[in-house]
């Protein structure tokens, strides 16, 4: 898949070394849409920073957001 800049690699740095994620990188990594990512930022659930026109999400903030998601408990249904 080609990015807007026309390269196959959207980043020159390995993901493990990155400290900031773009909106697109967060959305792909955590399975959210770009719109949902912006909603999380607007609501204050997901901290973000601006660098010029770019909105960036600190990796630590993204990981903390993921850790704080509410687990869903599966209810057992009686088969009788």
C-alpha atoms as a PDB file:
ATOM      1  CA  UNK A   1       0.000   0.000   0.000  1.00  0.00           C
ATOM      2  CA  UNK A   2       1.361   3.409  -0.907  1.00  0.00           C
ATOM      3  CA  UNK A   3       1.145   6.342   1.461  1.00  0.00           C
ATOM      4  CA  UNK A   4       0.336   9.875   0.380  1.00  0.00           C
ATOM      5  CA  UNK A   5       4.019  10.605   0.068  1.00  0.00           C
ATOM      6  CA  UNK A   6       4.360   7.727  -2.393  1.00  0.00           C
ATOM      7  CA  UNK A   7       6.477   5.389  -0.292  1.00  0.00           C
ATOM      8  CA  UNK A   8       5.778   1.907   0.988  1.00  0.00           C
ATOM      9  CA  UNK A   9       7.093   2.795   4.453  1.00  0.00           C
ATOM     10  CA  UNK A  10       5.076   5.495   6.248  1.00  0.00           C
ATOM     11  CA  UNK A  11       7.844   5.962   8.809  1.00  0.00           C
ATOM     12  CA  UNK A  12      11.611   5.739   8.655  1.00  0.00           C
ATOM     13  CA  UNK A  13      11.762   4.728  12.336  1.00  0.00           C
ATOM     14  CA  UNK A  14      10.800   1.322  13.727  1.00  0.00           C
ATOM     15  CA  UNK A  15       7.548   1.418  15.721  1.00  0.00           C
ATOM     16  CA  UNK A  16       9.359   0.399  18.920  1.00  0.00           C
ATOM     17  CA  UNK A  17      11.446   3.590  18.833  1.00  0.00           C
ATOM     18  CA  UNK A  18       8.629   5.999  18.011  1.00  0.00           C
ATOM     19  CA  UNK A  19       7.444   8.179  20.861  1.00  0.00           C
ATOM     20  CA  UNK A  20       4.628   9.877  18.957  1.00  0.00           C
ATOM     21  CA  UNK A  21       1.978   8.365  16.683  1.00  0.00           C
ATOM     22  CA  UNK A  22       0.107  10.123  13.911  1.00  0.00           C
ATOM     23  CA  UNK A  23      -3.673   9.889  13.905  1.00  0.00           C
ATOM     24  CA  UNK A  24      -3.460   7.293  11.126  1.00  0.00           C
ATOM     25  CA  UNK A  25      -0.840   5.211  12.969  1.00  0.00           C
ATOM     26  CA  UNK A  26      -2.963   5.203  16.145  1.00  0.00           C
ATOM     27  CA  UNK A  27      -6.093   4.280  14.190  1.00  0.00           C
ATOM     28  CA  UNK A  28      -4.372   1.370  12.466  1.00  0.00           C
ATOM     29  CA  UNK A  29      -2.586   0.120  15.575  1.00  0.00           C
ATOM     30  CA  UNK A  30      -5.678   0.217  17.804  1.00  0.00           C
ATOM     31  CA  UNK A  31      -8.344  -0.606  15.230  1.00  0.00           C
ATOM     32  CA  UNK A  32     -10.156   2.727  15.395  1.00  0.00           C
ATOM     33  CA  UNK A  33     -11.242   5.049  12.609  1.00  0.00           C
ATOM     34  CA  UNK A  34      -9.676   8.460  12.173  1.00  0.00           C
ATOM     35  CA  UNK A  35     -12.999  10.044  13.163  1.00  0.00           C
ATOM     36  CA  UNK A  36     -13.215   7.972  16.353  1.00  0.00           C
ATOM     37  CA  UNK A  37      -9.601   8.885  17.172  1.00  0.00           C
ATOM     38  CA  UNK A  38     -10.417  12.599  16.887  1.00  0.00           C
ATOM     39  CA  UNK A  39     -13.519  12.041  19.064  1.00  0.00           C
ATOM     40  CA  UNK A  40     -11.338  10.444  21.759  1.00  0.00           C
ATOM     41  CA  UNK A  41      -8.994  13.431  21.643  1.00  0.00           C
ATOM     42  CA  UNK A  42     -11.848  15.996  21.772  1.00  0.00           C
ATOM     43  CA  UNK A  43     -13.448  14.214  24.726  1.00  0.00           C
ATOM     44  CA  UNK A  44     -10.160  14.228  26.658  1.00  0.00           C
ATOM     45  CA  UNK A  45      -9.967  10.428  26.796  1.00  0.00           C
ATOM     46  CA  UNK A  46      -6.843  10.397  24.633  1.00  0.00           C
ATOM     47  CA  UNK A  47      -4.143  13.038  25.162  1.00  0.00           C
ATOM     48  CA  UNK A  48      -2.572  14.508  22.037  1.00  0.00           C
ATOM     49  CA  UNK A  49      -0.123  17.240  21.114  1.00  0.00           C
ATOM     50  CA  UNK A  50       0.174  19.542  18.131  1.00  0.00           C
ATOM     51  CA  UNK A  51       3.301  20.072  16.048  1.00  0.00           C
ATOM     52  CA  UNK A  52       2.367  22.684  13.517  1.00  0.00           C
ATOM     53  CA  UNK A  53      -0.646  21.258  11.680  1.00  0.00           C
ATOM     54  CA  UNK A  54       0.054  17.681  12.802  1.00  0.00           C
ATOM     55  CA  UNK A  55      -1.827  16.098  15.680  1.00  0.00           C
ATOM     56  CA  UNK A  56       0.320  13.515  17.429  1.00  0.00           C
ATOM     57  CA  UNK A  57      -0.444  11.024  20.170  1.00  0.00           C
ATOM     58  CA  UNK A  58       2.276  10.073  22.650  1.00  0.00           C
ATOM     59  CA  UNK A  59       2.828   6.299  22.625  1.00  0.00           C
ATOM     60  CA  UNK A  60       2.625   6.232  26.434  1.00  0.00           C
ATOM     61  CA  UNK A  61      -0.790   7.947  26.296  1.00  0.00           C
ATOM     62  CA  UNK A  62      -2.035   5.497  23.660  1.00  0.00           C
ATOM     63  CA  UNK A  63      -0.912   2.525  25.729  1.00  0.00           C
ATOM     64  CA  UNK A  64      -2.499   3.977  28.888  1.00  0.00           C
ATOM     65  CA  UNK A  65      -5.757   4.529  26.973  1.00  0.00           C
ATOM     66  CA  UNK A  66      -5.733   0.893  25.819  1.00  0.00           C
ATOM     67  CA  UNK A  67      -5.015  -0.380  29.352  1.00  0.00           C
ATOM     68  CA  UNK A  68      -7.961   1.619  30.731  1.00  0.00           C
ATOM     69  CA  UNK A  69     -10.544   0.197  28.342  1.00  0.00           C
ATOM     70  CA  UNK A  70     -13.323  -1.578  30.195  1.00  0.00           C
ATOM     71  CA  UNK A  71     -13.273  -5.335  29.919  1.00  0.00           C
ATOM     72  CA  UNK A  72     -16.487  -7.005  28.845  1.00  0.00           C
ATOM     73  CA  UNK A  73     -17.579  -9.945  30.934  1.00  0.00           C
ATOM     74  CA  UNK A  74     -19.302 -12.754  29.120  1.00  0.00           C
ATOM     75  CA  UNK A  75     -22.521 -13.843  30.791  1.00  0.00           C
ATOM     76  CA  UNK A  76     -23.140 -17.567  30.910  1.00  0.00           C
ATOM     77  CA  UNK A  77     -26.526 -18.674  29.653  1.00  0.00           C
ATOM     78  CA  UNK A  78     -28.279 -21.605  31.260  1.00  0.00           C
ATOM     79  CA  UNK A  79     -28.768 -24.382  28.713  1.00  0.00           C
ATOM     80  CA  UNK A  80     -31.747 -25.829  30.599  1.00  0.00           C
END
